[in-house]
Structure formats: structure tokens, C-alpha cells
Protein backbone atom coordinates (compact mmCIF):
# COMPACT_ATOMS: atom_id res chain seq x y z
CA MET A 1 7.50 -20.18 2.53
CA ALA A 2 8.05 -23.36 0.54
CA SER A 3 9.90 -22.75 -2.70
CA LEU A 4 7.98 -23.24 -5.92
CA PRO A 5 8.66 -26.62 -7.56
CA SER A 6 9.81 -26.69 -11.15
CA GLY A 7 10.17 -29.23 -13.92
CA ARG A 8 7.97 -32.10 -15.03
CA GLY A 9 5.53 -33.81 -12.72
CA VAL A 10 4.33 -30.63 -11.02
CA VAL A 11 0.63 -30.27 -10.20
CA HIS A 12 -0.50 -26.66 -10.70
CA VAL A 13 -3.57 -25.44 -8.80
CA GLY A 14 -5.36 -22.16 -9.46
CA MET A 15 -7.86 -21.08 -6.81
CA ASP A 16 -10.63 -18.55 -7.32
CA THR A 17 -11.74 -17.60 -3.81
CA SER A 18 -14.94 -16.13 -2.49
CA MET A 19 -16.36 -15.72 0.99
CA ARG A 20 -18.04 -19.15 1.17
CA GLU A 21 -16.36 -21.33 -1.44
CA ILE A 22 -13.23 -21.86 -3.51
CA MET A 23 -13.21 -22.94 -7.16
CA CYS A 24 -10.04 -24.96 -7.78
CA GLY A 25 -8.54 -25.62 -11.20
CA VAL A 26 -6.13 -28.59 -10.94
CA LEU A 27 -3.75 -29.01 -13.86
CA TRP A 28 -2.14 -32.43 -13.76
CA PRO A 29 1.20 -33.13 -15.51
CA GLY A 30 0.74 -33.83 -19.20
CA GLN A 31 -2.79 -32.45 -19.31
CA GLU A 32 -3.88 -29.34 -21.20
CA VAL A 33 -7.24 -28.73 -19.50
CA PRO A 34 -7.47 -28.32 -15.70
CA VAL A 35 -9.91 -30.40 -13.69
CA VAL A 36 -12.24 -28.05 -11.78
CA GLU A 37 -13.49 -28.77 -8.28
CA ARG A 38 -15.60 -26.63 -5.96
CA ILE A 39 -14.88 -26.78 -2.20
CA PRO A 40 -16.12 -24.83 0.84
CA ASN A 41 -13.87 -22.01 1.96
CA ASP A 42 -12.73 -23.50 5.27
CA GLY A 43 -9.51 -24.98 6.59
CA GLU A 44 -10.66 -28.59 6.71
CA SER A 45 -11.80 -28.57 3.06
CA VAL A 46 -8.51 -27.06 1.91
CA ARG A 47 -6.53 -29.69 3.86
CA ARG A 48 -8.65 -32.44 2.35
CA LEU A 49 -8.03 -31.12 -1.18
CA ILE A 50 -4.26 -30.86 -0.65
CA GLY A 51 -4.23 -34.37 0.74
CA LYS A 52 -5.82 -35.74 -2.45
CA LEU A 53 -3.22 -34.17 -4.75
CA GLY A 54 -0.33 -36.42 -3.81
CA ASP A 55 3.25 -35.39 -2.95
CA ARG A 56 3.06 -31.90 -1.46
CA ARG A 57 6.57 -31.11 -2.67
CA ARG A 58 5.26 -31.34 -6.24
CA LEU A 59 2.36 -28.94 -5.75
CA SER A 60 2.27 -25.32 -6.87
CA VAL A 61 -0.77 -23.30 -5.75
CA CYS A 62 -1.86 -19.74 -6.42
CA TYR A 63 -4.82 -17.45 -5.87
CA GLU A 64 -5.50 -13.76 -6.49
CA ALA A 65 -5.02 -11.16 -3.78
CA GLY A 66 -8.36 -9.89 -2.52
CA PRO A 67 -10.53 -9.02 0.46
CA SER A 68 -10.13 -12.49 1.97
CA GLY A 69 -6.59 -11.60 3.03
CA ASN A 70 -3.61 -13.90 3.45
CA GLU A 71 -4.91 -16.57 5.82
CA LEU A 72 -5.37 -19.06 2.97
CA HIS A 73 -1.74 -18.55 1.96
CA ARG A 74 -0.57 -19.17 5.52
CA LEU A 75 -2.69 -22.29 5.80
CA ILE A 76 -1.35 -23.79 2.56
CA THR A 77 2.29 -22.96 3.27
CA SER A 78 1.97 -24.41 6.78
CA MET A 79 1.29 -27.75 5.07
CA GLY A 80 4.60 -27.54 3.19
CA VAL A 81 3.00 -26.57 -0.13
CA ALA A 82 4.37 -23.78 -2.33
CA CYS A 83 1.77 -21.03 -2.68
CA GLU A 84 1.78 -17.61 -4.31
CA VAL A 85 -0.66 -14.72 -3.96
CA ILE A 86 -1.11 -13.15 -7.39
CA ALA A 87 -1.59 -9.51 -8.37
CA PRO A 88 -5.09 -9.50 -9.95
CA SER A 89 -4.41 -6.56 -12.26
CA LEU A 90 -1.48 -8.41 -13.86
CA VAL A 91 -3.25 -11.69 -14.67
CA PRO A 92 -3.18 -12.14 -18.47
CA LYS A 93 -6.60 -11.81 -20.08
CA GLY A 94 -7.65 -11.99 -23.71
CA ALA A 95 -8.87 -8.77 -25.31
CA SER A 96 -11.96 -10.60 -26.62
CA ASP A 97 -12.75 -12.38 -23.36
CA ARG A 98 -16.12 -11.03 -22.22
CA VAL A 99 -17.20 -13.92 -20.00
CA LYS A 100 -16.11 -14.05 -16.38
CA THR A 101 -17.03 -16.90 -14.04
CA ASP A 102 -15.35 -18.48 -11.05
CA ARG A 103 -14.75 -21.64 -13.06
CA ARG A 104 -13.06 -19.81 -15.95
CA ASP A 105 -10.94 -17.77 -13.53
CA ALA A 106 -9.68 -20.92 -11.77
CA VAL A 107 -8.80 -22.52 -15.11
CA ARG A 108 -7.04 -19.36 -16.29
CA LEU A 109 -4.97 -19.17 -13.10
CA ALA A 110 -3.85 -22.79 -13.32
CA LEU A 111 -2.79 -22.44 -16.96
CA ALA A 112 -1.02 -19.12 -16.39
CA LEU A 113 0.76 -20.52 -13.32
CA ARG A 114 2.24 -23.38 -15.32
CA ALA A 115 3.24 -20.98 -18.09
CA GLY A 116 5.01 -18.69 -15.59
CA MET A 117 2.92 -15.69 -16.61
CA LEU A 118 1.76 -14.57 -13.15
CA THR A 119 3.16 -11.85 -10.91
CA ALA A 120 3.21 -12.63 -7.19
CA VAL A 121 2.80 -10.07 -4.43
CA ARG A 122 4.75 -10.19 -1.20
CA VAL A 123 2.79 -11.67 1.69
CA PRO A 124 3.55 -9.83 4.96
CA SER A 125 4.20 -11.64 8.20
CA PRO A 126 1.37 -11.62 10.77
CA ALA A 127 3.20 -8.93 12.80
CA GLU A 128 3.75 -6.74 9.74
CA GLU A 129 0.15 -7.14 8.62
CA ALA A 130 -1.14 -6.28 12.09
CA VAL A 131 0.69 -2.92 12.12
CA ARG A 132 -0.39 -2.22 8.55
CA ASP A 133 -4.04 -2.76 9.49
CA LEU A 134 -3.62 -0.43 12.46
CA VAL A 135 -2.20 2.25 10.14
CA ARG A 136 -5.06 1.71 7.70
CA ALA A 137 -7.57 2.04 10.53
CA ARG A 138 -6.21 5.56 11.12
CA GLY A 139 -6.61 6.25 7.41
CA ASP A 140 -10.24 5.15 7.58
CA LEU A 141 -10.81 7.50 10.51
CA LEU A 142 -9.32 10.35 8.47
CA ASP A 143 -11.76 9.53 5.67
CA ASP A 144 -14.65 9.45 8.16
CA ARG A 145 -13.68 12.85 9.54
CA LYS A 146 -13.49 14.33 6.05
CA ARG A 147 -16.90 12.89 5.21
CA MET A 148 -18.43 14.41 8.34
CA GLN A 149 -16.86 17.78 7.51
CA GLN A 150 -18.34 17.63 4.01
CA ARG A 151 -21.78 16.79 5.37
CA LEU A 152 -21.65 19.68 7.81
CA ASN A 153 -20.50 22.08 5.10
CA ALA A 154 -23.28 20.90 2.78
CA PHE A 155 -25.88 21.32 5.52
CA LEU A 156 -24.84 24.90 6.22
CA LEU A 157 -24.71 25.71 2.50
CA ARG A 158 -28.25 24.41 1.99
CA HIS A 159 -29.46 26.93 4.54
CA GLY A 160 -27.57 29.97 3.27
CA ARG A 161 -24.66 29.84 5.71
CA THR A 162 -21.52 30.30 3.61
CA TRP A 163 -17.94 30.84 4.72
CA SER A 164 -15.98 33.34 2.62
CA SER A 165 -13.05 34.31 4.83
CA GLY A 166 -10.37 31.87 3.74
CA LYS A 167 -9.81 28.16 4.04
CA LYS A 168 -12.25 25.95 5.86
CA TRP A 169 -11.56 24.05 9.09
CA THR A 170 -9.05 26.57 10.33
CA ILE A 171 -9.46 27.92 13.86
CA ALA A 172 -11.44 30.89 12.51
CA HIS A 173 -13.73 28.65 10.49
CA ARG A 174 -14.38 26.36 13.45
CA LEU A 175 -15.32 29.34 15.61
CA TRP A 176 -17.71 30.46 12.88
CA VAL A 177 -19.30 26.98 12.72
CA ASP A 178 -19.71 26.92 16.51
CA GLN A 179 -21.53 30.28 16.39
CA GLN A 180 -24.18 29.10 13.93
CA ARG A 181 -27.72 28.94 15.32
CA PHE A 182 -31.13 28.22 13.78
CA ASP A 183 -34.56 29.41 14.95
CA GLU A 184 -36.22 26.20 13.80
CA PRO A 185 -35.74 23.57 16.55
CA ALA A 186 -35.49 20.73 14.01
CA LEU A 187 -32.71 22.52 12.10
CA GLN A 188 -30.82 23.21 15.29
CA GLU A 189 -31.07 19.54 16.26
CA ALA A 190 -29.77 18.54 12.83
CA LEU A 191 -26.82 20.93 13.21
CA ASP A 192 -26.05 19.55 16.66
CA SER A 193 -26.16 16.03 15.25
CA TYR A 194 -23.64 16.89 12.54
CA ARG A 195 -21.39 18.62 15.07
CA GLY A 196 -21.59 15.66 17.44
CA GLY A 197 -20.70 13.23 14.66
CA LEU A 198 -17.69 15.33 13.68
CA GLU A 199 -16.50 15.64 17.28
CA ALA A 200 -16.82 11.87 17.73
CA ARG A 201 -14.72 11.17 14.62
CA GLU A 202 -12.08 13.66 15.78
CA ALA A 203 -11.93 12.06 19.23
CA GLU A 204 -11.49 8.61 17.67
CA LEU A 205 -8.77 9.95 15.39
CA ARG A 206 -6.88 11.56 18.29
CA ALA A 207 -7.03 8.29 20.22
CA ALA A 208 -5.72 6.31 17.22
CA GLU A 209 -2.87 8.76 16.62
CA ALA A 210 -1.94 8.60 20.29
CA ARG A 211 -1.55 4.80 20.06
CA LEU A 212 0.40 4.63 16.81
CA PRO A 213 3.74 6.16 17.94
CA ALA A 214 4.29 3.24 20.31
CA TRP A 215 4.33 0.88 17.32
CA ALA A 216 6.79 3.06 15.42
CA GLY A 217 9.52 2.07 17.87
CA ARG A 218 8.79 -1.66 17.84
CA GLU A 219 9.98 -4.41 15.56
CA PRO A 220 9.67 -5.31 12.79
CA LEU A 221 9.36 -1.72 11.50
CA ALA A 222 11.36 0.33 14.02
CA ALA A 223 14.59 0.53 11.99
CA GLY A 224 12.80 1.59 8.82
CA VAL A 225 10.71 4.22 10.62
CA ALA A 226 13.84 5.74 12.18
CA ARG A 227 15.57 6.07 8.80
CA LEU A 228 12.54 7.50 7.01
CA SER A 229 11.91 10.01 9.81
CA ALA A 230 15.29 11.59 9.07
CA TYR A 231 13.83 13.06 5.86
CA ARG A 232 12.15 16.43 5.77
CA GLY A 233 8.38 16.23 5.66
CA ILE A 234 8.28 12.59 6.81
CA ALA A 235 7.17 12.70 10.42
CA GLU A 236 6.84 9.59 12.58
CA LEU A 237 3.29 8.64 11.57
CA THR A 238 4.06 9.18 7.88
CA ALA A 239 7.20 7.05 8.21
CA LEU A 240 5.19 4.32 9.92
CA THR A 241 2.64 4.41 7.10
CA LEU A 242 5.33 4.01 4.44
CA ALA A 243 7.17 1.28 6.35
CA ALA A 244 3.99 -0.69 7.09
CA GLU A 245 2.63 -0.51 3.55
CA VAL A 246 5.88 -1.32 1.71
CA VAL A 247 7.74 -3.50 4.27
CA ASP A 248 10.07 -5.20 1.78
CA TRP A 249 11.68 -2.41 -0.21
CA ARG A 250 14.15 -4.72 -1.94
CA ARG A 251 11.43 -6.40 -3.97
CA PHE A 252 11.61 -3.36 -6.24
CA PRO A 253 14.70 -3.66 -8.46
CA SER A 254 15.03 0.09 -9.06
CA ALA A 255 13.78 3.47 -7.96
CA ARG A 256 11.74 3.70 -11.17
CA ALA A 257 9.98 0.43 -10.30
CA PHE A 258 9.08 1.78 -6.86
CA MET A 259 7.80 5.02 -8.40
CA GLY A 260 5.54 2.91 -10.61
CA PHE A 261 4.32 1.02 -7.55
CA THR A 262 3.29 4.29 -5.88
CA GLY A 263 1.22 5.34 -8.89
CA LEU A 264 3.03 8.66 -9.22
CA ILE A 265 4.33 8.12 -12.75
CA PRO A 266 2.42 9.46 -15.80
CA SER A 267 0.20 7.09 -17.73
CA GLU A 268 1.31 6.56 -21.31
CA TYR A 269 -0.15 5.36 -24.59
CA SER A 270 2.49 5.55 -27.29
CA SER A 271 2.59 3.90 -30.67
CA GLY A 272 5.03 4.38 -33.51
CA ALA A 273 6.23 7.96 -33.67
CA ARG A 274 3.39 9.20 -31.47
CA THR A 275 3.92 9.61 -27.74
CA ARG A 276 0.96 10.36 -25.48
CA ARG A 277 1.25 10.79 -21.72
CA GLY A 278 -1.58 11.48 -19.35
CA SER A 279 -2.22 11.95 -15.66
CA ILE A 280 -0.52 9.79 -13.05
CA THR A 281 -1.58 6.14 -12.95
CA LYS A 282 -2.65 6.15 -9.27
CA ALA A 283 -1.73 2.47 -9.10
CA GLY A 284 -0.67 0.80 -5.87
CA PRO A 285 -1.65 1.58 -2.27
CA GLU A 286 -3.38 4.92 -1.89
CA GLY A 287 -1.85 5.36 1.57
CA VAL A 288 1.70 5.32 0.18
CA ARG A 289 0.89 7.83 -2.55
CA THR A 290 -0.94 10.15 -0.14
CA ALA A 291 1.91 10.02 2.38
CA LEU A 292 4.50 10.92 -0.26
CA VAL A 293 2.44 13.80 -1.68
CA GLU A 294 1.77 15.26 1.77
CA SER A 295 5.49 15.01 2.61
CA ALA A 296 6.45 16.62 -0.70
CA TRP A 297 4.82 19.93 0.27
CA ALA A 298 7.62 20.47 2.80
CA TYR A 299 10.12 20.86 -0.04
CA ARG A 300 8.58 24.14 -1.16
CA TYR A 301 10.88 25.84 1.33
CA ARG A 302 14.61 26.34 1.10
CA PRO A 303 16.81 23.52 2.45
CA ALA A 304 17.16 23.78 6.22
CA VAL A 305 17.32 21.56 9.30
CA SER A 306 14.70 22.72 11.77
CA ALA A 307 14.73 21.89 15.45
CA THR A 308 12.02 19.27 14.91
CA LEU A 309 13.93 17.60 12.09
CA ARG A 310 17.17 17.71 14.09
CA ARG A 311 15.41 15.94 16.94
CA ARG A 312 14.15 13.22 14.58
CA GLN A 313 17.64 12.82 13.13
CA ALA A 314 19.32 12.30 16.51
CA GLY A 315 21.42 9.14 16.42
CA THR A 316 20.92 8.64 12.70
CA ASP A 317 23.70 7.25 10.51
CA ALA A 318 25.86 9.82 8.71
CA GLY A 319 25.00 8.31 5.32
CA THR A 320 21.30 8.78 5.96
CA LEU A 321 21.87 12.40 6.99
CA ALA A 322 23.82 13.05 3.79
CA ARG A 323 21.08 11.54 1.64
CA SER A 324 18.43 13.51 3.51
CA TRP A 325 20.25 16.77 2.83
CA LYS A 326 20.77 15.87 -0.82
CA ALA A 327 17.03 15.20 -1.09
CA GLN A 328 16.26 18.66 0.29
CA GLN A 329 18.51 20.34 -2.25
CA ARG A 330 17.28 18.39 -5.27
CA LEU A 331 13.58 18.41 -4.45
CA HIS A 332 13.49 22.12 -3.64
CA ALA A 333 15.25 22.78 -6.95
CA THR A 334 12.60 20.69 -8.72
CA TRP A 335 9.84 22.68 -7.05
CA LYS A 336 11.41 26.02 -8.00
CA LYS A 337 12.05 24.96 -11.59
CA MET A 338 8.51 23.77 -12.18
CA THR A 339 6.70 26.64 -10.47
CA SER A 340 8.90 29.19 -12.24
CA ARG A 341 7.73 27.71 -15.53
CA GLY A 342 4.13 28.33 -14.54
CA LYS A 343 3.25 24.77 -13.52
CA PRO A 344 0.38 24.58 -11.01
CA SER A 345 1.33 23.72 -7.44
CA CYS A 346 -0.53 20.40 -7.61
CA VAL A 347 1.52 19.34 -10.65
CA ALA A 348 4.80 20.47 -9.10
CA VAL A 349 4.15 18.68 -5.80
CA THR A 350 3.33 15.46 -7.66
CA ALA A 351 6.66 15.65 -9.46
CA VAL A 352 8.44 16.29 -6.15
CA ALA A 353 6.61 13.35 -4.56
CA ARG A 354 7.73 11.11 -7.42
CA GLU A 355 11.37 12.06 -6.86
CA LEU A 356 10.93 11.70 -3.11
CA ALA A 357 9.77 8.13 -3.74
CA GLY A 358 13.10 7.50 -5.45
CA PHE A 359 15.02 8.93 -2.50
CA VAL A 360 13.21 6.86 0.13
CA TRP A 361 13.64 3.71 -1.97
CA ALA A 362 17.38 4.40 -2.21
CA GLU A 363 17.50 5.03 1.54
CA MET A 364 15.73 1.81 2.44
CA THR A 365 17.81 -0.32 0.05
CA SER A 366 21.20 1.26 0.70
């Protein structure tokens, strides 16, 4: 990526993107108010705009991360122009600003870019983004399966069929669901439809999970997946999820910064002598936070190296093995301390997941 120009004579461009058009705020050197121009959202129009702005080495462009992805960034940088993708939640906004338009957003971006008040996000390479999208596709299938399970449960509940023998979707519960029959033909057809939808989602999920392990052993994520898999609770697919979502671990200067990225730290509103902390922020990618919480449940049990974990650790560096063992000892102690004080399991596992985030950050930056 072209480095951002600095000093006098730089043209700053803030872009507010939408599906069909881009609103561009162009802030020329010495001016205080950006010139706004609307262009179609296509490659030729962007090239034409860049061509009108003069020396490309003196251009600095930014736009907010969003559903349009990173193709605009790749197009602009391929022309030798410095471009940053900005974190939308960190764009400065006035407390009294109640008007939002594409034009105002473009102007705000251009002014904030020149003032150095924007926070850029890391743009993954095409190969990294491809694996990340594949991992997210599996996450979407998991959501679809859960939704179908909820619909089936709600259908049975509406017609007086309730399960009261433990957790749902165990082997026993599935056998119970398969045994349900209705005398009304329409109800039976509805039940069969829900069952068929659930079976289809499960088949799609199995197919996706069968394909993913092949990508865990390929570059550019293979080395990171191998190191993360050496930790208890982090199986291959979980390691691939973490590696694909984070990619560049060194962009976080400390373990605390990475914990904040995962959204596992408590929210806080403190002023003066008063300190108020609330539930976790849930900021950052949901997939990372979910993967860490699911892995954290494994630390309920005493430190041990099972046969499965030993197989995942085969050929792993001695330093990684030492850190993995230290994580087991510390995180199990955290679990015991919190549960012995009467903390609910969900609170304890969140605390363990937060500390686990620190351990994996240290592992990937060591």
C-alpha cells in the first residue's frame, strides 16, 4: 500500500460510499471547506476522479469500512494513491450533530483525515479475505441451523409437545422429535417441512466443516492455526476462525488492546470519584468473541494434556507448549476462584475468555 503523504500541498479526499454512487469531499491545500463531488460507484469513475486531482503522490484518500468491502481500497492503491479504510465507530462526531447526509459525511471525513483524527482498519489481502469469508459462511450456516431448531421447537410448543427431560438437541431429544406425529395431515406436513429444513441446514453445515480443514493447513494462515491449535479448547476450526478474523496480531500494541478488540472487557462510565462498570462491550467481530468463549469452557477442568490435545501439539515449538500449559494453570485457577465466590458460570467463562484472549495475543506476537 502506498504510504500516506504528509506536509503541505496534500490533497485530502473523504469518500462516503453507497451501492450506486460515491460522494467525494476534496479538501485542497490551504482551503477550509472541501469541494463535494458526486460520482458513480464504478472503477472508471474513480479513475477519472483520481486523474483530475493532480500528482497521485500528493493524494490521501479515505472511506469508512462497510458492506461494500475492500475492492475500492484495492483499486485506489493500485493507482499509486495512499488510501485508508476507516473504522466507522471511531469517526469523530459532534454531540449536537443530528443531521446525517452523504454530503456531510464526505466533508467530515476529509476534514478529519487532514486533522489526523481517524483510525484506520487493516485491509486483508485477497487470499486472507477469501478464507475469512469461507469461515464466516460456516458461521452463517450455524446461525441458520439454530434458527431452524428454534422454529421447530416453537412449532411443537404451540401444539402442546414439550420436552422436559434435559437439554434440547441431544441424542435423546432428537429421538423424541423424530417420534412426534400429528393426526391432522396439514400439521404433519408442517412438521415434516420443519424437519426437512433442519436436515438440509445440517447437511450444508457438515459439508462446509468438511472443506474447512484443508484451508487450515494452507498459507497464509497455516502457521498461526498450528500455534493456536496447541491451546486447550482451541480445535482446528476454532483456530482457523481466530486466525482468519484477526490475521495481523501485531497491530494490537498490548494484550489489553486485543481484549478490547474482542469486546470481552466491561463497559465503563466513570466520572470523578464515581466508577461504574457494566456488561461487556461486545465490540469487534462476533466470531472472535464467540470462538474465545466457546474455547474458555474447556478450562473448567483441571490442567491436563489429553490424547487429542497431544496430537494437535505434535511438532509444536517448546515455547508454545510452555505457554499453553501456563494458560491451563492460570485459566483454571480463574474459573475456580470465581465460581467459588458464587459467580454464575456465564460470568466466570467470560472472564476466562478475556484472559484467554491475552494468552493467544501473546502467543501470536511472541
